[in-house]
N, C-alpha and C. Protein backbone atom coordinates (compact mmCIF):
# COMPACT_ATOMS: atom_id res chain seq x y z
N MET A 1 -30.99 44.42 -3.47
CA MET A 1 -31.04 42.91 -4.51
C MET A 1 -29.87 42.25 -2.84
N SER A 2 -29.90 41.10 -2.44
CA SER A 2 -29.48 40.83 -1.66
C SER A 2 -27.93 39.78 -2.69
N ASP A 3 -27.25 39.50 -2.25
CA ASP A 3 -26.15 38.18 -2.66
C ASP A 3 -26.89 37.08 -3.14
N LEU A 4 -26.97 36.70 -4.33
CA LEU A 4 -27.18 34.67 -4.41
C LEU A 4 -25.99 34.49 -3.38
N PRO A 5 -26.20 32.96 -3.06
CA PRO A 5 -24.96 32.31 -3.14
C PRO A 5 -24.81 31.38 -4.36
N VAL A 6 -23.59 31.07 -3.46
CA VAL A 6 -22.32 30.13 -4.79
C VAL A 6 -22.76 29.19 -4.49
N GLN A 7 -22.56 28.05 -5.52
CA GLN A 7 -22.58 26.08 -5.38
C GLN A 7 -22.00 25.88 -6.19
N PHE A 8 -20.66 25.80 -5.43
CA PHE A 8 -20.38 24.74 -5.75
C PHE A 8 -20.25 23.57 -6.38
N THR A 9 -20.54 22.73 -7.19
CA THR A 9 -21.06 21.37 -8.13
C THR A 9 -19.73 19.99 -7.77
N PRO A 10 -20.37 19.26 -7.30
CA PRO A 10 -19.19 17.99 -7.19
C PRO A 10 -18.40 18.12 -8.33
N GLU A 11 -17.90 18.18 -9.84
CA GLU A 11 -17.30 18.29 -10.50
C GLU A 11 -16.28 19.44 -9.92
N ALA A 12 -16.83 20.94 -10.00
CA ALA A 12 -15.92 21.54 -9.83
C ALA A 12 -14.90 21.78 -8.76
N ASN A 13 -15.69 20.91 -7.61
CA ASN A 13 -14.73 20.80 -5.93
C ASN A 13 -13.90 19.48 -6.09
N THR A 14 -14.37 18.94 -7.37
CA THR A 14 -12.98 17.85 -7.76
C THR A 14 -12.01 18.61 -8.94
N ASP A 15 -12.70 19.48 -9.96
CA ASP A 15 -11.32 20.17 -10.18
C ASP A 15 -10.72 20.86 -10.27
N LEU A 16 -11.00 21.61 -8.57
CA LEU A 16 -10.21 22.34 -7.58
C LEU A 16 -9.18 21.34 -7.00
N THR A 17 -9.52 20.28 -6.55
CA THR A 17 -9.03 19.15 -6.19
C THR A 17 -7.85 19.01 -6.42
N GLU A 18 -8.03 18.54 -8.30
CA GLU A 18 -7.01 17.43 -8.96
C GLU A 18 -5.87 19.04 -9.23
N LEU A 19 -6.54 20.05 -9.88
CA LEU A 19 -5.57 20.97 -10.05
C LEU A 19 -4.83 20.97 -8.26
N PHE A 20 -4.84 21.32 -7.44
CA PHE A 20 -4.30 21.13 -6.49
C PHE A 20 -3.32 20.38 -6.09
N ASP A 21 -4.33 18.83 -6.96
CA ASP A 21 -3.09 17.91 -6.58
C ASP A 21 -1.88 17.66 -7.62
N TYR A 22 -2.19 18.16 -8.95
CA TYR A 22 -1.41 18.48 -9.96
C TYR A 22 -0.69 19.50 -9.32
N LEU A 23 -0.67 20.66 -9.28
CA LEU A 23 0.30 22.12 -9.05
C LEU A 23 1.26 21.94 -7.89
N ALA A 24 0.28 21.09 -6.81
CA ALA A 24 1.98 21.17 -5.68
C ALA A 24 2.82 20.40 -5.16
N PRO A 25 2.80 19.34 -6.74
CA PRO A 25 4.43 19.29 -6.47
C PRO A 25 4.92 19.72 -7.40
N ARG A 26 5.33 19.91 -8.58
CA ARG A 26 5.80 20.81 -9.17
C ARG A 26 5.43 22.59 -9.25
N ALA A 27 5.13 23.07 -8.26
CA ALA A 27 4.96 24.44 -7.72
C ALA A 27 5.20 24.65 -6.61
N GLY A 28 5.06 23.79 -5.12
CA GLY A 28 4.67 23.40 -4.00
C GLY A 28 3.25 24.01 -3.49
N THR A 29 3.47 22.93 -2.26
CA THR A 29 1.67 23.39 -1.84
C THR A 29 2.03 24.87 -1.80
N ALA A 30 3.04 26.15 -0.66
CA ALA A 30 1.79 27.57 -1.04
C ALA A 30 0.93 28.00 -2.40
N ILE A 31 1.99 27.86 -3.36
CA ILE A 31 1.93 28.30 -4.54
C ILE A 31 -0.08 27.75 -4.57
N ALA A 32 0.16 26.43 -4.77
CA ALA A 32 -0.59 25.71 -5.28
C ALA A 32 -1.72 25.70 -4.14
N LEU A 33 -1.57 26.05 -3.42
CA LEU A 33 -2.86 26.85 -2.66
C LEU A 33 -3.76 27.96 -2.85
N LYS A 34 -2.43 28.39 -2.61
CA LYS A 34 -2.86 30.07 -3.13
C LYS A 34 -3.22 30.16 -4.78
N TYR A 35 -2.66 29.52 -5.70
CA TYR A 35 -4.05 29.16 -7.35
C TYR A 35 -5.13 29.08 -6.99
N VAL A 36 -5.10 27.80 -6.08
CA VAL A 36 -6.76 27.26 -6.07
C VAL A 36 -7.62 28.03 -5.57
N SER A 37 -6.61 28.63 -4.11
CA SER A 37 -8.31 29.41 -3.24
C SER A 37 -7.86 30.80 -4.19
N ASP A 38 -7.18 31.59 -5.07
CA ASP A 38 -7.68 32.59 -5.49
C ASP A 38 -9.46 32.62 -6.43
N ILE A 39 -8.94 31.00 -7.25
CA ILE A 39 -10.25 30.53 -8.53
C ILE A 39 -11.50 30.45 -7.90
N HIS A 40 -11.02 29.57 -6.04
CA HIS A 40 -12.08 29.46 -5.15
C HIS A 40 -12.95 30.76 -5.15
N ARG A 41 -11.73 31.60 -4.42
CA ARG A 41 -12.58 33.26 -4.13
C ARG A 41 -13.41 34.27 -4.94
N HIS A 42 -12.74 33.93 -6.12
CA HIS A 42 -13.14 34.67 -7.33
C HIS A 42 -14.50 34.43 -8.01
N CYS A 43 -14.37 33.26 -8.11
CA CYS A 43 -15.90 31.99 -8.26
C CYS A 43 -16.97 32.69 -6.64
N LEU A 44 -16.56 33.41 -6.28
CA LEU A 44 -17.57 33.10 -4.56
C LEU A 44 -18.48 34.54 -5.22
N GLY A 45 -17.12 35.77 -5.40
CA GLY A 45 -17.49 37.13 -5.80
C GLY A 45 -17.98 37.19 -7.28
N PHE A 46 -18.99 35.97 -7.85
CA PHE A 46 -19.73 36.08 -8.62
C PHE A 46 -21.83 35.89 -7.38
N ALA A 47 -21.52 36.15 -6.69
CA ALA A 47 -22.95 35.99 -5.73
C ALA A 47 -22.78 37.71 -5.72
N LEU A 48 -21.61 38.37 -6.23
CA LEU A 48 -21.55 40.06 -5.44
C LEU A 48 -22.24 40.34 -6.98
N PHE A 49 -22.34 39.53 -7.59
CA PHE A 49 -22.21 40.54 -8.98
C PHE A 49 -22.76 39.03 -10.21
N PRO A 50 -24.01 38.18 -9.61
CA PRO A 50 -24.22 37.63 -10.83
C PRO A 50 -24.62 37.76 -11.66
N SER A 51 -25.08 39.48 -12.08
CA SER A 51 -24.94 39.23 -14.28
C SER A 51 -23.58 38.77 -15.23
N ALA A 52 -22.62 39.69 -14.73
CA ALA A 52 -21.27 38.52 -14.60
C ALA A 52 -21.23 37.23 -15.28
N VAL A 53 -22.27 36.61 -14.82
CA VAL A 53 -22.44 35.20 -14.95
C VAL A 53 -23.39 34.77 -15.86
N SER A 54 -23.27 34.10 -17.08
CA SER A 54 -23.81 33.99 -18.66
C SER A 54 -24.93 32.50 -17.60
N GLN A 55 -26.56 32.95 -17.96
CA GLN A 55 -27.25 31.56 -17.43
C GLN A 55 -27.35 30.74 -18.70
N GLU A 56 -26.83 29.68 -18.73
CA GLU A 56 -26.60 28.70 -19.97
C GLU A 56 -28.48 28.45 -19.80
N LYS A 57 -29.44 28.22 -20.67
CA LYS A 57 -30.40 27.53 -20.65
C LYS A 57 -30.69 26.06 -21.30
N THR A 58 -30.93 25.28 -19.69
CA THR A 58 -31.04 23.19 -20.05
C THR A 58 -31.94 23.49 -20.65
């Protein structure tokens, strides 16, 4: 089984950017960057374990 690509929607990218913008002045740039990077990396992990993500039917 091959890895599936993880695609971030424009809204998800905006959310991560806004989260960084919110955290940086409050916690510091380094902490905000690590926090957002950790979230991003966690999401990329779904490529290895796609069954960990529930599939929403639309």
